[in-house]
Amino acid sequence: TISRDNAKNTVYLQMNSLKPEDTAVYHCAADRD
């Protein structure tokens, strides 16, 4: 689940039921448009 709190300038990614194939480096990114 992705969510955001604009008052805190923060975006979150809640990850449940994780699997070995979810192993990775996770990056956030901004689309200014």
Full PDB file with SEQRES, HELIX, SHEET, SSBOND, CRYST1, ORIGX, SCALE, CONECT and MASTER records, all heavy atoms in Angstrom:
SEQRES   1 A   33  THR ILE SER ARG ASP ASN ALA LYS ASN THR VAL TYR LEU          
SEQRES   2 A   33  GLN MET ASN SER LEU LYS PRO GLU ASP THR ALA VAL TYR          
SEQRES   3 A   33  HIS CYS ALA ALA ASP ARG ASP                                  
HELIX    1 AA1 PRO A   20  ASP A   22  5                                   3    
SHEET    1 AA1 2 ILE A   2  ASP A   5  0                                        
SHEET    2 AA1 2 THR A  10  LEU A  13 -1                                        
CRYST1    1.000    1.000    1.000  90.00  90.00  90.00 P 1           1          
ORIGX1      1.000000  0.000000  0.000000        0.00000                         
ORIGX2      0.000000  1.000000  0.000000        0.00000                         
ORIGX3      0.000000  0.000000  1.000000        0.00000                         
SCALE1      1.000000  0.000000  0.000000        0.00000                         
SCALE2      0.000000  1.000000  0.000000        0.00000                         
SCALE3      0.000000  0.000000  1.000000        0.00000                         
ATOM      1  N   THR A   1       0.844  -1.186   0.000  1.00  0.00           N  
ATOM      2  CA  THR A   1       0.000   0.000   0.000  1.00  0.00           C  
ATOM      3  C   THR A   1       0.883   1.241   0.000  1.00  0.00           C  
ATOM      4  O   THR A   1       1.743   1.389   0.874  1.00  0.00           O  
ATOM      5  CB  THR A   1      -0.916   0.031   1.222  1.00  0.00           C  
ATOM      6  OG1 THR A   1      -1.731  -1.145   1.251  1.00  0.00           O  
ATOM      7  CG2 THR A   1      -1.823   1.262   1.171  1.00  0.00           C  
ATOM      8  N   ILE A   2       0.647   2.110  -0.967  1.00  0.00           N  
ATOM      9  CA  ILE A   2       1.358   3.389  -1.028  1.00  0.00           C  
ATOM     10  C   ILE A   2       0.463   4.469  -0.439  1.00  0.00           C  
ATOM     11  O   ILE A   2      -0.751   4.465  -0.647  1.00  0.00           O  
ATOM     12  CB  ILE A   2       1.777   3.737  -2.476  1.00  0.00           C  
ATOM     13  CG1 ILE A   2       2.683   4.970  -2.504  1.00  0.00           C  
ATOM     14  CG2 ILE A   2       0.558   3.914  -3.381  1.00  0.00           C  
ATOM     15  CD1 ILE A   2       3.311   5.229  -3.881  1.00  0.00           C  
ATOM     16  N   SER A   3       1.072   5.364   0.322  1.00  0.00           N  
ATOM     17  CA  SER A   3       0.327   6.471   0.914  1.00  0.00           C  
ATOM     18  C   SER A   3       1.274   7.667   1.053  1.00  0.00           C  
ATOM     19  O   SER A   3       2.476   7.533   0.845  1.00  0.00           O  
ATOM     20  CB  SER A   3      -0.253   6.081   2.272  1.00  0.00           C  
ATOM     21  OG  SER A   3       0.779   5.753   3.182  1.00  0.00           O  
ATOM     22  N   ARG A   4       0.702   8.802   1.417  1.00  0.00           N  
ATOM     23  CA  ARG A   4       1.539   9.993   1.573  1.00  0.00           C  
ATOM     24  C   ARG A   4       0.962  10.899   2.644  1.00  0.00           C  
ATOM     25  O   ARG A   4      -0.249  10.899   2.891  1.00  0.00           O  
ATOM     26  CB  ARG A   4       1.684  10.743   0.250  1.00  0.00           C  
ATOM     27  CG  ARG A   4       0.417  11.373  -0.278  1.00  0.00           C  
ATOM     28  CD  ARG A   4       0.608  11.863  -1.712  1.00  0.00           C  
ATOM     29  NE  ARG A   4       1.605  12.920  -1.799  1.00  0.00           N  
ATOM     30  CZ  ARG A   4       2.218  13.268  -2.944  1.00  0.00           C  
ATOM     31  NH1 ARG A   4       1.911  12.645  -4.071  1.00  0.00           N  
ATOM     32  NH2 ARG A   4       3.110  14.244  -2.951  1.00  0.00           N  
ATOM     33  N   ASP A   5       1.841  11.686   3.238  1.00  0.00           N  
ATOM     34  CA  ASP A   5       1.455  12.702   4.201  1.00  0.00           C  
ATOM     35  C   ASP A   5       2.097  14.002   3.726  1.00  0.00           C  
ATOM     36  O   ASP A   5       3.295  14.215   3.934  1.00  0.00           O  
ATOM     37  CB  ASP A   5       1.942  12.326   5.604  1.00  0.00           C  
ATOM     38  CG  ASP A   5       1.471  13.286   6.673  1.00  0.00           C  
ATOM     39  OD1 ASP A   5       1.145  14.442   6.337  1.00  0.00           O  
ATOM     40  OD2 ASP A   5       1.432  12.895   7.837  1.00  0.00           O  
ATOM     41  N   ASN A   6       1.321  14.839   3.075  1.00  0.00           N  
ATOM     42  CA  ASN A   6       1.883  16.064   2.495  1.00  0.00           C  
ATOM     43  C   ASN A   6       2.338  17.053   3.570  1.00  0.00           C  
ATOM     44  O   ASN A   6       3.222  17.866   3.321  1.00  0.00           O  
ATOM     45  CB  ASN A   6       0.882  16.716   1.556  1.00  0.00           C  
ATOM     46  CG  ASN A   6       0.730  15.952   0.256  1.00  0.00           C  
ATOM     47  OD1 ASN A   6       1.615  15.171  -0.140  1.00  0.00           O  
ATOM     48  ND2 ASN A   6      -0.388  16.132  -0.421  1.00  0.00           N  
ATOM     49  N   ALA A   7       1.754  16.983   4.747  1.00  0.00           N  
ATOM     50  CA  ALA A   7       2.191  17.870   5.835  1.00  0.00           C  
ATOM     51  C   ALA A   7       3.596  17.517   6.304  1.00  0.00           C  
ATOM     52  O   ALA A   7       4.314  18.376   6.825  1.00  0.00           O  
ATOM     53  CB  ALA A   7       1.216  17.781   6.997  1.00  0.00           C  
ATOM     54  N   LYS A   8       3.981  16.248   6.104  1.00  0.00           N  
ATOM     55  CA  LYS A   8       5.306  15.782   6.512  1.00  0.00           C  
ATOM     56  C   LYS A   8       6.251  15.592   5.335  1.00  0.00           C  
ATOM     57  O   LYS A   8       7.379  15.111   5.517  1.00  0.00           O  
ATOM     58  CB  LYS A   8       5.183  14.470   7.278  1.00  0.00           C  
ATOM     59  CG  LYS A   8       4.432  14.587   8.598  1.00  0.00           C  
ATOM     60  CD  LYS A   8       4.395  13.260   9.343  1.00  0.00           C  
ATOM     61  CE  LYS A   8       3.673  13.399  10.675  1.00  0.00           C  
ATOM     62  NZ  LYS A   8       3.622  12.110  11.411  1.00  0.00           N  
ATOM     63  N   ASN A   9       5.786  15.933   4.134  1.00  0.00           N  
ATOM     64  CA  ASN A   9       6.624  15.741   2.941  1.00  0.00           C  
ATOM     65  C   ASN A   9       7.153  14.310   2.845  1.00  0.00           C  
ATOM     66  O   ASN A   9       8.323  14.090   2.517  1.00  0.00           O  
ATOM     67  CB  ASN A   9       7.808  16.719   2.921  1.00  0.00           C  
ATOM     68  CG  ASN A   9       7.436  18.080   2.373  1.00  0.00           C  
ATOM     69  OD1 ASN A   9       6.262  18.432   2.303  1.00  0.00           O  
ATOM     70  ND2 ASN A   9       8.424  18.852   1.978  1.00  0.00           N  
ATOM     71  N   THR A  10       6.287  13.366   3.088  1.00  0.00           N  
ATOM     72  CA  THR A  10       6.724  11.969   3.152  1.00  0.00           C  
ATOM     73  C   THR A  10       5.753  11.069   2.401  1.00  0.00           C  
ATOM     74  O   THR A  10       4.532  11.258   2.478  1.00  0.00           O  
ATOM     75  CB  THR A  10       6.849  11.504   4.609  1.00  0.00           C  
ATOM     76  OG1 THR A  10       7.774  12.358   5.292  1.00  0.00           O  
ATOM     77  CG2 THR A  10       7.359  10.070   4.681  1.00  0.00           C  
ATOM     78  N   VAL A  11       6.316  10.098   1.697  1.00  0.00           N  
ATOM     79  CA  VAL A  11       5.524   9.048   1.054  1.00  0.00           C  
ATOM     80  C   VAL A  11       5.952   7.716   1.668  1.00  0.00           C  
ATOM     81  O   VAL A  11       7.113   7.533   2.042  1.00  0.00           O  
ATOM     82  CB  VAL A  11       5.697   9.063  -0.480  1.00  0.00           C  
ATOM     83  CG1 VAL A  11       7.141   8.785  -0.873  1.00  0.00           C  
ATOM     84  CG2 VAL A  11       4.759   8.082  -1.150  1.00  0.00           C  
ATOM     85  N   TYR A  12       4.994   6.810   1.795  1.00  0.00           N  
ATOM     86  CA  TYR A  12       5.226   5.533   2.461  1.00  0.00           C  
ATOM     87  C   TYR A  12       4.912   4.376   1.529  1.00  0.00           C  
ATOM     88  O   TYR A  12       4.122   4.504   0.589  1.00  0.00           O  
ATOM     89  CB  TYR A  12       4.329   5.420   3.702  1.00  0.00           C  
ATOM     90  CG  TYR A  12       4.484   6.539   4.687  1.00  0.00           C  
ATOM     91  CD1 TYR A  12       3.590   7.607   4.685  1.00  0.00           C  
ATOM     92  CD2 TYR A  12       5.506   6.541   5.621  1.00  0.00           C  
ATOM     93  CE1 TYR A  12       3.721   8.658   5.585  1.00  0.00           C  
ATOM     94  CE2 TYR A  12       5.650   7.578   6.531  1.00  0.00           C  
ATOM     95  CZ  TYR A  12       4.757   8.630   6.502  1.00  0.00           C  
ATOM     96  OH  TYR A  12       4.894   9.662   7.401  1.00  0.00           O  
ATOM     97  N   LEU A  13       5.518   3.244   1.837  1.00  0.00           N  
ATOM     98  CA  LEU A  13       5.166   1.996   1.164  1.00  0.00           C  
ATOM     99  C   LEU A  13       5.055   0.919   2.240  1.00  0.00           C  
ATOM    100  O   LEU A  13       6.061   0.486   2.797  1.00  0.00           O  
ATOM    101  CB  LEU A  13       6.208   1.604   0.120  1.00  0.00           C  
ATOM    102  CG  LEU A  13       5.836   0.386  -0.725  1.00  0.00           C  
ATOM    103  CD1 LEU A  13       4.652   0.708  -1.638  1.00  0.00           C  
ATOM    104  CD2 LEU A  13       7.024  -0.101  -1.564  1.00  0.00           C  
ATOM    105  N   GLN A  14       3.822   0.555   2.552  1.00  0.00           N  
ATOM    106  CA  GLN A  14       3.571  -0.528   3.502  1.00  0.00           C  
ATOM    107  C   GLN A  14       3.613  -1.843   2.738  1.00  0.00           C  
ATOM    108  O   GLN A  14       2.843  -2.019   1.781  1.00  0.00           O  
ATOM    109  CB  GLN A  14       2.214  -0.352   4.179  1.00  0.00           C  
ATOM    110  CG  GLN A  14       1.843  -1.470   5.134  1.00  0.00           C  
ATOM    111  CD  GLN A  14       2.735  -1.522   6.362  1.00  0.00           C  
ATOM    112  OE1 GLN A  14       3.045  -0.481   6.949  1.00  0.00           O  
ATOM    113  NE2 GLN A  14       3.155  -2.717   6.759  1.00  0.00           N  
ATOM    114  N   MET A  15       4.484  -2.744   3.159  1.00  0.00           N  
ATOM    115  CA  MET A  15       4.671  -4.009   2.454  1.00  0.00           C  
ATOM    116  C   MET A  15       4.321  -5.156   3.394  1.00  0.00           C  
ATOM    117  O   MET A  15       4.981  -5.331   4.436  1.00  0.00           O  
ATOM    118  CB  MET A  15       6.120  -4.138   1.971  1.00  0.00           C  
ATOM    119  CG  MET A  15       6.587  -2.960   1.126  1.00  0.00           C  
ATOM    120  SD  MET A  15       8.229  -3.203   0.423  1.00  0.00           S  
ATOM    121  CE  MET A  15       9.218  -3.245   1.913  1.00  0.00           C  
ATOM    122  N   ASN A  16       3.298  -5.890   3.043  1.00  0.00           N  
ATOM    123  CA  ASN A  16       2.853  -7.037   3.834  1.00  0.00           C  
ATOM    124  C   ASN A  16       3.025  -8.325   3.039  1.00  0.00           C  
ATOM    125  O   ASN A  16       3.190  -8.291   1.818  1.00  0.00           O  
ATOM    126  CB  ASN A  16       1.388  -6.860   4.223  1.00  0.00           C  
ATOM    127  CG  ASN A  16       1.144  -5.636   5.087  1.00  0.00           C  
ATOM    128  OD1 ASN A  16       2.004  -5.223   5.870  1.00  0.00           O  
ATOM    129  ND2 ASN A  16      -0.033  -5.044   4.956  1.00  0.00           N  
ATOM    130  N   SER A  17       2.948  -9.440   3.745  1.00  0.00           N  
ATOM    131  CA  SER A  17       3.059 -10.764   3.100  1.00  0.00           C  
ATOM    132  C   SER A  17       4.258 -10.817   2.162  1.00  0.00           C  
ATOM    133  O   SER A  17       4.162 -11.262   1.012  1.00  0.00           O  
ATOM    134  CB  SER A  17       1.779 -11.080   2.327  1.00  0.00           C  
ATOM    135  OG  SER A  17       0.649 -11.050   3.173  1.00  0.00           O  
ATOM    136  N   LEU A  18       5.377 -10.396   2.663  1.00  0.00           N  
ATOM    137  CA  LEU A  18       6.571 -10.297   1.824  1.00  0.00           C  
ATOM    138  C   LEU A  18       7.058 -11.668   1.376  1.00  0.00           C  
ATOM    139  O   LEU A  18       6.956 -12.662   2.114  1.00  0.00           O  
ATOM    140  CB  LEU A  18       7.675  -9.559   2.559  1.00  0.00           C  
ATOM    141  CG  LEU A  18       7.493  -8.035   2.586  1.00  0.00           C  
ATOM    142  CD1 LEU A  18       8.319  -7.401   3.700  1.00  0.00           C  
ATOM    143  CD2 LEU A  18       7.851  -7.435   1.244  1.00  0.00           C  
ATOM    144  N   LYS A  19       7.596 -11.706   0.154  1.00  0.00           N  
ATOM    145  CA  LYS A  19       8.088 -12.919  -0.465  1.00  0.00           C  
ATOM    146  C   LYS A  19       9.570 -12.747  -0.793  1.00  0.00           C  
ATOM    147  O   LYS A  19      10.036 -11.611  -0.972  1.00  0.00           O  
ATOM    148  CB  LYS A  19       7.322 -13.199  -1.761  1.00  0.00           C  
ATOM    149  CG  LYS A  19       5.826 -13.267  -1.600  1.00  0.00           C  
ATOM    150  CD  LYS A  19       5.149 -13.424  -2.963  1.00  0.00           C  
ATOM    151  CE  LYS A  19       3.639 -13.458  -2.825  1.00  0.00           C  
ATOM    152  NZ  LYS A  19       2.974 -13.603  -4.162  1.00  0.00           N  
ATOM    153  N   PRO A  20      10.297 -13.834  -0.908  1.00  0.00           N  
ATOM    154  CA  PRO A  20      11.716 -13.707  -1.282  1.00  0.00           C  
ATOM    155  C   PRO A  20      11.931 -12.920  -2.579  1.00  0.00           C  
ATOM    156  O   PRO A  20      12.924 -12.199  -2.709  1.00  0.00           O  
ATOM    157  CB  PRO A  20      12.176 -15.163  -1.416  1.00  0.00           C  
ATOM    158  CG  PRO A  20      11.289 -15.904  -0.465  1.00  0.00           C  
ATOM    159  CD  PRO A  20       9.950 -15.217  -0.556  1.00  0.00           C  
ATOM    160  N   GLU A  21      11.004 -13.033  -3.504  1.00  0.00           N  
ATOM    161  CA  GLU A  21      11.151 -12.314  -4.770  1.00  0.00           C  
ATOM    162  C   GLU A  21      10.936 -10.810  -4.631  1.00  0.00           C  
ATOM    163  O   GLU A  21      11.139 -10.065  -5.601  1.00  0.00           O  
ATOM    164  CB  GLU A  21      10.204 -12.875  -5.839  1.00  0.00           C  
ATOM    165  CG  GLU A  21       8.764 -13.011  -5.412  1.00  0.00           C  
ATOM    166  CD  GLU A  21       8.432 -14.410  -4.924  1.00  0.00           C  
ATOM    167  OE1 GLU A  21       9.246 -15.008  -4.172  1.00  0.00           O  
ATOM    168  OE2 GLU A  21       7.331 -14.898  -5.274  1.00  0.00           O  
ATOM    169  N   ASP A  22      10.542 -10.337  -3.452  1.00  0.00           N  
ATOM    170  CA  ASP A  22      10.453  -8.904  -3.204  1.00  0.00           C  
ATOM    171  C   ASP A  22      11.811  -8.308  -2.818  1.00  0.00           C  
ATOM    172  O   ASP A  22      11.939  -7.090  -2.680  1.00  0.00           O  
ATOM    173  CB  ASP A  22       9.452  -8.608  -2.077  1.00  0.00           C  
ATOM    174  CG  ASP A  22       8.029  -8.965  -2.451  1.00  0.00           C  
ATOM    175  OD1 ASP A  22       7.624  -8.683  -3.593  1.00  0.00           O  
ATOM    176  OD2 ASP A  22       7.322  -9.537  -1.586  1.00  0.00           O  
ATOM    177  N   THR A  23      12.802  -9.160  -2.629  1.00  0.00           N  
ATOM    178  CA  THR A  23      14.135  -8.684  -2.285  1.00  0.00           C  
ATOM    179  C   THR A  23      14.690  -7.781  -3.377  1.00  0.00           C  
ATOM    180  O   THR A  23      14.728  -8.159  -4.550  1.00  0.00           O  
ATOM    181  CB  THR A  23      15.087  -9.876  -2.061  1.00  0.00           C  
ATOM    182  OG1 THR A  23      14.637 -10.622  -0.927  1.00  0.00           O  
ATOM    183  CG2 THR A  23      16.513  -9.412  -1.823  1.00  0.00           C  
ATOM    184  N   ALA A  24      15.088  -6.572  -2.989  1.00  0.00           N  
ATOM    185  CA  ALA A  24      15.578  -5.585  -3.948  1.00  0.00           C  
ATOM    186  C   ALA A  24      15.985  -4.320  -3.197  1.00  0.00           C  
ATOM    187  O   ALA A  24      15.717  -4.189  -1.999  1.00  0.00           O  
ATOM    188  CB  ALA A  24      14.493  -5.234  -4.975  1.00  0.00           C  
ATOM    189  N   VAL A  25      16.602  -3.413  -3.917  1.00  0.00           N  
ATOM    190  CA  VAL A  25      16.777  -2.048  -3.420  1.00  0.00           C  
ATOM    191  C   VAL A  25      15.554  -1.253  -3.867  1.00  0.00           C  
ATOM    192  O   VAL A  25      15.223  -1.238  -5.065  1.00  0.00           O  
ATOM    193  CB  VAL A  25      18.055  -1.397  -3.962  1.00  0.00           C  
ATOM    194  CG1 VAL A  25      18.152   0.054  -3.493  1.00  0.00           C  
ATOM    195  CG2 VAL A  25      19.280  -2.186  -3.511  1.00  0.00           C  
ATOM    196  N   TYR A  26      14.899  -0.616  -2.926  1.00  0.00           N  
ATOM    197  CA  TYR A  26      13.685   0.138  -3.204  1.00  0.00           C  
ATOM    198  C   TYR A  26      14.009   1.636  -3.250  1.00  0.00           C  
ATOM    199  O   TYR A  26      14.625   2.176  -2.320  1.00  0.00           O  
ATOM    200  CB  TYR A  26      12.630  -0.140  -2.144  1.00  0.00           C  
ATOM    201  CG  TYR A  26      11.961  -1.474  -2.329  1.00  0.00           C  
ATOM    202  CD1 TYR A  26      12.642  -2.659  -2.079  1.00  0.00           C  
ATOM    203  CD2 TYR A  26      10.651  -1.564  -2.781  1.00  0.00           C  
ATOM    204  CE1 TYR A  26      12.049  -3.897  -2.275  1.00  0.00           C  
ATOM    205  CE2 TYR A  26      10.040  -2.793  -2.973  1.00  0.00           C  
ATOM    206  CZ  TYR A  26      10.748  -3.951  -2.720  1.00  0.00           C  
ATOM    207  OH  TYR A  26      10.143  -5.166  -2.919  1.00  0.00           O  
ATOM    208  N   HIS A  27      13.570   2.258  -4.345  1.00  0.00           N  
ATOM    209  CA  HIS A  27      13.815   3.679  -4.561  1.00  0.00           C  
ATOM    210  C   HIS A  27      12.489   4.433  -4.646  1.00  0.00           C  
ATOM    211  O   HIS A  27      11.555   3.954  -5.288  1.00  0.00           O  
ATOM    212  CB  HIS A  27      14.548   3.914  -5.884  1.00  0.00           C  
ATOM    213  CG  HIS A  27      15.893   3.288  -5.983  1.00  0.00           C  
ATOM    214  ND1 HIS A  27      17.058   3.966  -5.647  1.00  0.00           N  
ATOM    215  CD2 HIS A  27      16.274   2.058  -6.386  1.00  0.00           C  
ATOM    216  CE1 HIS A  27      18.084   3.169  -5.860  1.00  0.00           C  
ATOM    217  NE2 HIS A  27      17.652   2.005  -6.300  1.00  0.00           N  
ATOM    218  N   CYS A  28      12.445   5.616  -4.041  1.00  0.00           N  
ATOM    219  CA  CYS A  28      11.302   6.476  -4.312  1.00  0.00           C  
ATOM    220  C   CYS A  28      11.704   7.506  -5.362  1.00  0.00           C  
ATOM    221  O   CYS A  28      12.894   7.774  -5.569  1.00  0.00           O  
ATOM    222  CB  CYS A  28      10.790   7.154  -3.051  1.00  0.00           C  
ATOM    223  SG  CYS A  28      11.886   8.362  -2.320  1.00  0.00           S  
ATOM    224  N   ALA A  29      10.707   8.048  -6.032  1.00  0.00           N  
ATOM    225  CA  ALA A  29      10.945   8.961  -7.136  1.00  0.00           C  
ATOM    226  C   ALA A  29       9.837   9.995  -7.201  1.00  0.00           C  
ATOM    227  O   ALA A  29       8.691   9.709  -6.825  1.00  0.00           O  
ATOM    228  CB  ALA A  29      11.023   8.192  -8.456  1.00  0.00           C  
ATOM    229  N   ALA A  30      10.199  11.175  -7.710  1.00  0.00           N  
ATOM    230  CA  ALA A  30       9.246  12.276  -7.811  1.00  0.00           C  
ATOM    231  C   ALA A  30       9.034  12.669  -9.269  1.00  0.00           C  
ATOM    232  O   ALA A  30       9.999  12.855 -10.018  1.00  0.00           O  
ATOM    233  CB  ALA A  30       9.745  13.491  -7.026  1.00  0.00           C  
ATOM    234  N   ASP A  31       7.768  12.801  -9.638  1.00  0.00           N  
ATOM    235  CA  ASP A  31       7.395  13.334 -10.946  1.00  0.00           C  
ATOM    236  C   ASP A  31       6.874  14.741 -10.700  1.00  0.00           C  
ATOM    237  O   ASP A  31       5.725  14.913 -10.251  1.00  0.00           O  
ATOM    238  CB  ASP A  31       6.332  12.448 -11.586  1.00  0.00           C  
ATOM    239  CG  ASP A  31       5.850  12.978 -12.926  1.00  0.00           C  
ATOM    240  OD1 ASP A  31       6.127  14.152 -13.251  1.00  0.00           O  
ATOM    241  OD2 ASP A  31       5.196  12.222 -13.649  1.00  0.00           O  
ATOM    242  N   ARG A  32       7.689  15.736 -10.966  1.00  0.00           N  
ATOM    243  CA  ARG A  32       7.327  17.107 -10.630  1.00  0.00           C  
ATOM    244  C   ARG A  32       6.200  17.661 -11.501  1.00  0.00           C  
ATOM    245  O   ARG A  32       5.592  18.673 -11.163  1.00  0.00           O  
ATOM    246  CB  ARG A  32       8.557  18.004 -10.717  1.00  0.00           C  
ATOM    247  CG  ARG A  32       9.504  17.827  -9.549  1.00  0.00           C  
ATOM    248  CD  ARG A  32      10.686  18.770  -9.636  1.00  0.00           C  
ATOM    249  NE  ARG A  32      11.890  18.082 -10.030  1.00  0.00           N  
ATOM    250  CZ  ARG A  32      12.814  18.608 -10.830  1.00  0.00           C  
ATOM    251  NH1 ARG A  32      12.642  19.789 -11.360  1.00  0.00           N  
ATOM    252  NH2 ARG A  32      13.919  17.924 -11.107  1.00  0.00           N  
ATOM    253  N   ASP A  33       5.898  16.998 -12.605  1.00  0.00           N  
ATOM    254  CA  ASP A  33       4.782  17.446 -13.444  1.00  0.00           C  
ATOM    255  C   ASP A  33       3.431  16.987 -12.914  1.00  0.00           C  
ATOM    256  O   ASP A  33       2.391  17.428 -13.410  1.00  0.00           O  
ATOM    257  CB  ASP A  33       4.966  16.937 -14.874  1.00  0.00           C  
ATOM    258  CG  ASP A  33       6.133  17.610 -15.571  1.00  0.00           C  
ATOM    259  OD1 ASP A  33       6.456  18.758 -15.200  1.00  0.00           O  
ATOM    260  OD2 ASP A  33       6.715  16.988 -16.469  1.00  0.00           O  
TER     261      ASP A  33                                                      
MASTER        0    0    0    1    2    0    0    6  260    1    0    3          
END                                                                             
